[in-house]
Protein backbone atom coordinates (compact mmCIF):
# COMPACT_ATOMS: atom_id res chain seq x y z
CA MET A 1 13.30 -21.98 15.28
CA LYS A 2 14.96 -21.11 12.42
CA ILE A 3 13.39 -17.70 10.92
CA ASP A 4 12.86 -17.62 6.69
CA ARG A 5 14.87 -14.64 6.29
CA SER A 6 13.27 -14.61 2.68
CA PHE A 7 10.09 -14.28 3.72
CA GLN A 8 10.72 -11.77 5.91
CA LEU A 9 11.75 -9.56 3.64
CA GLU A 10 8.93 -10.35 1.27
CA ALA A 11 6.38 -9.48 3.85
CA GLU A 12 8.22 -6.46 4.72
CA VAL A 13 8.05 -5.11 1.50
CA ALA A 14 4.35 -5.32 0.85
CA ARG A 15 4.10 -3.38 4.98
CA GLN A 16 6.48 -0.62 2.77
CA PHE A 17 4.00 -0.89 0.01
CA ALA A 18 0.95 -0.62 1.94
CA LEU A 19 2.34 2.12 4.01
CA GLU A 20 3.75 4.53 0.74
CA ARG A 21 0.15 4.24 -0.92
CA TYR A 22 -1.26 6.55 1.61
CA ASP A 23 1.46 8.90 0.89
CA ILE A 24 1.67 10.84 4.13
CA LEU A 25 5.00 10.27 4.83
CA ASP A 26 6.58 13.76 5.02
CA THR A 27 3.46 15.52 4.87
CA PRO A 28 3.73 18.84 7.79
CA GLN A 29 0.82 18.56 10.87
CA GLU A 30 -2.53 18.63 10.36
CA TYR A 31 -5.18 19.06 12.58
CA CYS A 32 -7.28 15.78 12.05
CA PHE A 33 -4.33 14.22 13.51
CA ASP A 34 -3.40 16.38 16.45
CA HIS A 35 -6.91 16.41 17.37
CA ILE A 36 -6.33 12.20 17.94
CA ALA A 37 -2.95 12.70 19.17
CA ASN A 38 -4.01 15.51 22.03
CA ALA A 39 -7.83 13.08 22.82
CA VAL A 40 -5.04 10.18 23.74
CA LYS A 41 -3.45 12.83 25.81
CA LEU A 42 -6.11 14.18 28.33
CA ALA A 43 -8.04 10.54 27.70
CA LEU A 44 -4.63 8.34 29.40
CA GLU A 45 -3.13 11.48 31.19
CA VAL A 46 0.47 11.20 30.09
CA PRO A 47 2.80 13.61 28.61
CA ILE A 48 3.79 12.22 25.38
CA VAL A 49 1.61 10.85 22.56
CA ALA A 50 2.79 10.25 18.98
CA ILE A 51 1.04 8.98 15.67
CA SER A 52 4.35 7.17 13.92
CA MET A 53 4.82 5.63 10.88
CA ILE A 54 7.60 2.92 10.08
CA ASP A 55 9.14 3.34 7.34
CA GLY A 56 12.74 1.99 6.66
CA ASN A 57 14.96 3.08 9.02
CA ARG A 58 13.28 5.28 10.92
CA GLN A 59 10.01 6.56 12.66
CA TRP A 60 8.26 9.42 11.57
CA PHE A 61 6.63 11.02 13.46
CA LYS A 62 2.78 12.44 11.74
CA SER A 63 1.68 14.26 15.34
CA LYS A 64 3.34 14.08 18.29
CA ILE A 65 3.20 15.47 22.02
CA GLY A 66 6.23 16.04 24.23
CA PHE A 67 8.38 16.14 22.13
CA GLU A 68 9.97 18.21 18.86
CA ALA A 69 11.99 15.27 16.91
CA PRO A 70 10.19 15.01 13.24
CA GLU A 71 11.52 11.27 13.47
CA MET A 72 13.95 8.68 15.02
CA PRO A 73 15.86 5.58 13.96
CA ARG A 74 13.63 2.64 13.76
CA ASP A 75 15.47 0.54 16.23
CA THR A 76 15.70 2.92 18.63
CA GLY A 77 11.80 3.05 19.19
CA PHE A 78 9.53 1.04 20.79
CA CYS A 79 6.97 0.89 18.03
CA ASP A 80 8.80 -1.09 16.01
CA TYR A 81 7.26 -3.53 18.39
CA THR A 82 4.64 -2.71 18.32
CA ILE A 83 4.23 -3.60 14.92
CA ASN A 84 4.82 -6.89 14.95
CA GLN A 85 2.20 -7.83 16.62
CA ASN A 86 -1.54 -7.35 16.13
CA ASN A 87 -2.56 -5.73 19.69
CA SER A 88 -2.07 -3.11 22.10
CA MET A 89 1.90 -3.43 23.16
CA ILE A 90 1.80 -2.89 27.72
CA VAL A 91 4.78 -1.97 29.42
CA GLU A 92 4.43 -1.00 33.01
CA ASP A 93 7.95 -0.42 33.83
CA THR A 94 10.27 0.01 31.07
CA THR A 95 13.17 -0.94 33.56
CA LEU A 96 12.18 -4.41 34.26
CA ASP A 97 11.70 -5.14 30.66
CA PRO A 98 14.80 -6.75 28.95
CA ARG A 99 14.26 -5.71 26.18
CA PHE A 100 14.22 -1.73 26.70
CA LYS A 101 15.99 -1.31 30.24
CA ASP A 102 18.82 -0.01 28.06
CA SER A 103 17.64 2.20 25.77
CA PRO A 104 18.81 5.67 25.15
CA MET A 105 15.34 6.15 25.83
CA VAL A 106 14.88 4.75 28.83
CA VAL A 107 18.19 5.25 30.36
CA GLY A 108 18.73 9.14 28.77
CA ASP A 109 16.24 11.61 28.03
CA PRO A 110 13.46 11.98 28.04
CA PHE A 111 13.18 8.74 30.90
CA VAL A 112 10.81 6.94 29.39
CA ARG A 113 9.02 4.51 32.53
CA SER A 114 5.65 3.47 30.62
CA TYR A 115 4.46 2.60 27.36
CA ILE A 116 1.00 1.64 25.46
CA GLY A 117 1.00 1.48 22.06
CA VAL A 118 -1.53 0.36 19.72
CA PRO A 119 -0.67 -1.15 15.79
CA LEU A 120 -1.88 0.87 12.75
CA THR A 121 -3.38 -1.68 11.22
CA THR A 122 -4.45 -1.55 7.14
CA PRO A 123 -7.91 -3.07 6.12
CA ASP A 124 -5.76 -5.58 4.29
CA GLY A 125 -3.82 -6.67 7.45
CA HIS A 126 -0.10 -4.31 7.63
CA ASN A 127 0.94 -2.58 10.59
CA ILE A 128 2.59 0.31 9.05
CA GLY A 129 2.58 2.52 12.59
CA ALA A 130 1.84 2.96 15.81
CA LEU A 131 -0.81 5.59 18.07
CA CYS A 132 1.50 5.68 21.45
CA ALA A 133 1.01 7.08 24.64
CA ILE A 134 4.47 7.50 26.94
CA ASP A 135 4.37 8.18 30.73
CA LEU A 136 7.38 8.94 33.13
CA VAL A 137 6.55 6.80 35.68
CA PRO A 138 5.88 2.93 35.76
CA ARG A 139 2.08 2.63 35.79
CA GLN A 140 -0.57 0.70 34.54
CA PHE A 141 -3.17 1.45 31.55
CA MET A 142 -7.06 0.56 32.60
CA HIS A 143 -8.29 -1.91 30.27
CA SER A 144 -11.28 0.88 29.16
CA LYS A 145 -8.18 3.20 28.37
CA VAL A 146 -6.72 1.00 26.26
CA GLU A 147 -10.03 -0.10 24.43
CA LEU A 148 -9.80 3.75 23.51
CA LEU A 149 -6.71 4.10 22.77
CA GLU A 150 -7.89 0.97 20.19
CA GLN A 151 -10.82 2.72 18.85
CA LEU A 152 -8.84 6.24 18.39
CA ALA A 153 -6.24 4.00 15.97
CA GLU A 154 -8.47 2.56 14.38
CA LEU A 155 -9.90 6.43 13.35
CA VAL A 156 -6.83 7.27 12.12
CA ILE A 157 -6.70 4.27 9.82
CA HIS A 158 -9.98 5.45 8.53
CA GLU A 159 -9.21 8.40 8.23
CA LEU A 160 -6.17 7.31 5.95
CA GLU A 161 -8.26 4.93 4.11
CA MET A 162 -10.82 8.49 3.37
CA ARG A 163 -8.14 10.71 1.63
CA GLN A 164 -7.12 7.89 -0.92
CA GLN A 165 -10.18 6.65 -1.84
CA ALA A 166 -10.65 10.32 -3.33
CA ASP A 167 -8.01 9.16 -5.59
CA ARG A 168 -9.80 6.75 -7.06
CA ASP A 169 -12.35 6.11 -10.51
CA ARG A 170 -16.48 6.96 -9.42
CA LEU A 171 -17.25 4.20 -11.99
CA THR A 172 -14.77 1.13 -11.83
CA GLY A 173 -12.95 1.80 -8.43
CA ALA A 174 -9.40 2.25 -10.10
CA LEU A 175 -6.94 4.88 -9.45
CA THR A 176 -7.44 8.17 -11.36
CA ARG A 177 -4.26 8.97 -13.51
CA SER A 178 -2.87 11.16 -10.68
CA GLY A 179 -3.17 8.81 -8.17
CA PHE A 180 -1.57 5.89 -10.00
CA SER A 181 1.37 8.24 -10.67
CA VAL A 182 1.91 8.56 -6.94
CA LYS A 183 2.31 4.63 -7.08
CA VAL A 184 4.35 4.52 -9.64
CA GLN A 185 6.57 6.71 -8.31
CA LYS A 186 6.56 4.42 -5.45
CA ALA A 187 7.99 1.20 -6.95
CA ILE A 188 10.29 2.81 -8.97
CA ALA A 189 11.55 4.76 -5.09
CA LEU A 190 11.95 1.04 -3.75
CA TYR A 191 13.57 -0.40 -6.60
CA ASP A 192 16.22 2.22 -6.63
CA ARG A 193 16.96 1.94 -2.77
CA GLN A 194 16.54 -2.13 -3.31
CA GLU A 195 16.38 -2.76 -6.61
CA VAL A 196 13.07 -4.58 -5.88
CA ILE A 197 11.41 -5.26 -9.41
CA SER A 198 8.13 -4.19 -10.46
CA THR A 199 6.24 -4.51 -13.97
CA MET A 200 3.80 -2.20 -15.72
CA VAL A 201 0.82 -3.82 -17.61
CA LEU A 202 -1.06 -1.26 -19.98
CA PHE A 203 -3.88 -2.28 -22.03
CA ASP A 204 -6.62 -1.04 -23.73
CA VAL A 205 -10.11 -2.57 -22.72
CA ASP A 206 -11.85 -3.39 -26.62
CA LEU A 207 -15.75 -2.28 -25.74
CA HIS A 208 -17.52 -2.73 -28.87
CA LYS A 209 -16.27 -5.70 -29.40
CA MET A 210 -17.12 -6.69 -25.72
CA VAL A 211 -20.82 -5.44 -26.04
CA ARG A 212 -21.46 -7.06 -29.24
CA HIS A 213 -19.78 -10.03 -27.99
CA HIS A 214 -22.76 -10.38 -25.48
CA SER A 215 -25.44 -9.17 -27.60
CA GLY A 216 -26.28 -5.58 -26.21
CA ARG A 217 -27.45 -7.28 -23.38
CA LEU A 218 -25.21 -4.92 -20.72
CA SER A 219 -24.14 -1.61 -21.44
CA GLY A 220 -20.05 -0.58 -22.34
CA ASN A 221 -20.24 1.01 -19.06
CA ALA A 222 -21.72 -2.03 -16.87
CA LEU A 223 -18.68 -4.96 -18.80
CA LEU A 224 -16.18 -2.16 -18.16
CA ARG A 225 -16.98 -1.37 -14.11
CA THR A 226 -17.28 -5.80 -14.12
CA VAL A 227 -14.03 -6.49 -15.53
CA ILE A 228 -11.94 -3.73 -13.73
CA ARG A 229 -13.17 -4.57 -10.37
CA THR A 230 -12.89 -7.71 -11.04
CA LEU A 231 -9.22 -7.14 -11.93
CA ILE A 232 -8.87 -5.19 -8.57
CA ALA A 233 -10.66 -8.10 -6.65
CA CYS A 234 -7.50 -10.13 -7.83
CA LEU A 235 -4.57 -8.20 -7.37
CA GLN A 236 -2.49 -8.32 -4.32
CA PRO A 237 -2.95 -5.27 -1.61
CA SER A 238 0.64 -3.73 -2.78
CA ASN A 239 -0.31 -3.62 -6.46
CA CYS A 240 -2.82 -1.41 -7.78
CA VAL A 241 -4.56 -0.83 -11.12
CA GLY A 242 -5.00 3.09 -12.83
CA ARG A 243 -7.24 4.30 -15.12
CA MET A 244 -5.35 6.32 -17.95
CA GLY A 245 -7.89 7.85 -19.61
CA GLY A 246 -11.26 6.25 -21.17
CA THR A 247 -10.77 2.18 -21.31
CA GLN A 248 -6.77 2.57 -20.97
CA PHE A 249 -6.12 0.83 -17.98
CA ALA A 250 -2.31 0.29 -15.74
CA VAL A 251 -1.83 -2.33 -13.70
CA LEU A 252 1.26 -1.82 -11.12
CA LEU A 253 2.50 -4.94 -9.74
CA THR A 254 5.28 -4.94 -7.42
CA SER A 255 7.85 -7.27 -6.39
CA THR A 256 6.77 -9.64 -9.91
CA THR A 257 8.38 -10.16 -13.26
CA LYS A 258 7.87 -10.07 -16.87
CA ALA A 259 7.22 -13.25 -17.54
CA GLU A 260 5.47 -13.40 -13.54
CA ALA A 261 3.06 -10.19 -14.32
CA MET A 262 2.03 -12.72 -18.12
CA ARG A 263 0.99 -15.58 -16.09
CA ALA A 264 -1.00 -13.15 -13.77
CA THR A 265 -2.62 -12.06 -16.53
CA GLU A 266 -3.80 -15.52 -18.24
CA GLU A 267 -5.08 -16.38 -14.51
CA PHE A 268 -7.43 -13.40 -14.77
CA LEU A 269 -8.50 -14.10 -17.76
CA GLU A 270 -9.13 -17.68 -16.81
CA LYS A 271 -11.61 -16.28 -14.29
CA MET A 272 -13.20 -13.91 -16.75
CA GLU A 273 -14.67 -16.80 -18.59
CA GLU A 274 -15.38 -19.00 -15.24
CA MET A 275 -17.03 -15.65 -14.71
CA ASN A 276 -18.76 -15.79 -18.99
CA VAL A 277 -17.59 -12.54 -19.17
CA GLY A 278 -16.56 -12.28 -22.80
CA ILE A 279 -12.82 -9.58 -22.35
CA PHE A 280 -11.24 -8.50 -25.81
CA LEU A 281 -7.89 -6.65 -24.88
CA ASP A 282 -4.41 -5.13 -26.39
CA VAL A 283 -1.90 -5.54 -23.65
CA SER A 284 1.26 -4.50 -23.08
CA PHE A 285 4.62 -5.51 -20.19
CA SER A 286 7.07 -3.51 -19.31
CA GLU A 287 9.33 -4.46 -17.23
CA ILE A 288 11.55 -1.59 -14.75
CA SER A 289 14.94 -0.78 -15.43
CA PRO A 290 17.24 1.23 -15.19
CA ALA A 291 16.63 3.91 -18.07
CA ILE A 292 13.01 4.76 -16.31
CA GLY A 293 13.06 7.56 -14.04
CA ILE A 294 9.64 9.19 -14.00
CA CYS A 295 6.00 7.39 -13.61
CA GLY A 296 6.10 9.46 -17.62
CA ASP A 297 9.11 7.16 -18.61
CA TRP A 298 7.73 3.99 -17.76
CA LEU A 299 4.33 4.73 -19.24
CA LYS A 300 5.64 5.97 -22.21
CA GLN A 301 7.67 2.73 -23.04
CA ALA A 302 4.53 0.51 -21.91
CA ASN A 303 2.38 3.00 -24.98
CA ILE A 304 5.32 2.05 -27.22
CA ASP A 305 5.08 -1.50 -26.47
CA LEU A 306 1.41 -1.11 -26.58
CA ARG A 307 0.93 -0.04 -30.34
CA ALA A 308 3.23 -2.76 -31.15
CA ALA A 309 0.90 -5.11 -30.55
CA LYS A 310 -1.51 -3.71 -32.02
CA GLU A 311 -0.46 -3.45 -35.43
CA SER A 312 1.95 -6.66 -35.42
CA ASP A 313 0.49 -10.24 -35.13
CA HIS A 314 3.84 -11.51 -34.48
CA SER A 315 6.18 -12.30 -32.01
CA ARG A 316 3.58 -12.16 -29.08
CA PRO A 317 3.56 -14.26 -26.33
CA TYR A 318 0.33 -16.46 -26.14
CA GLN A 319 -2.62 -15.09 -27.99
CA GLU A 320 -6.02 -16.51 -27.71
CA SER A 321 -8.01 -19.19 -30.11
CA ASP A 322 -10.51 -16.13 -30.75
CA ASP A 323 -8.78 -14.02 -31.04
CA ARG A 324 -9.50 -11.46 -28.30
CA LEU A 325 -6.00 -10.70 -27.00
CA ASN A 326 -2.70 -8.76 -27.49
CA GLY A 327 0.13 -9.08 -25.62
CA THR A 328 3.63 -8.08 -26.22
CA GLY A 329 6.47 -7.86 -23.78
């Protein structure tokens, strides 16, 4: 079967964004994760346990038992195979497995002989790493032990999700300004490494017009909540929306050009029409460029474009007949 390389690249970029949104890489060891790793060690009676995150060309360990290295090359470990499947990977004897019998970890220290790994799967289906147990003798793993490892892997993801939710605006579910800035910085880093184009969409919601449009039947907060939560539901997993303050919001669209971002905005407005929600926006689109070094640079440029949209009726890429939307590139 011919492998679609472009599809593989897109899938890996999405997986990388899913990992980076948790902001876990290169952080110190923590009790909650070490506690999970120790539970695996005791339950499976193995000398080596790791909670690994697969990042680019490396396998980085959030928690580890039985070895000291903080990371290792991605292509030398077992966990890279684990994240390429959706169930547990069990290797009862590494010396008999053609994938691993010549691995440096098998023919040399620590002389791995058996392995079990469970992918760390995000709620949106990306395998960002693995919870694994390693023994130095060939062995079979009881079904009950495999189930336990799978439950503990879910606990790792639950902990990461709980931390992420703390960075969200309670009313709308959007990221806070600081939480959004972290995601933007990740997109800038990805552009610097792989030239992946992303676009920021900055917009102000005119709640006064919206409340009048709805004849005061809904409060400003209720309308804002409806608009932003609907927007969040429309986004791809690698994208995010942040509340910059008041009624100003920003959307980060990863692996997306400005033209594609404009089309996506049109589709969102059509969805709001179908829901019979009148929406009034001033909006700008700012594609990443080499001049953008930090999140503040990107937001500054987007705000300049947004002010231009508010002050001028000219050179708009599109305008609805009811003038609900002002836009600029």
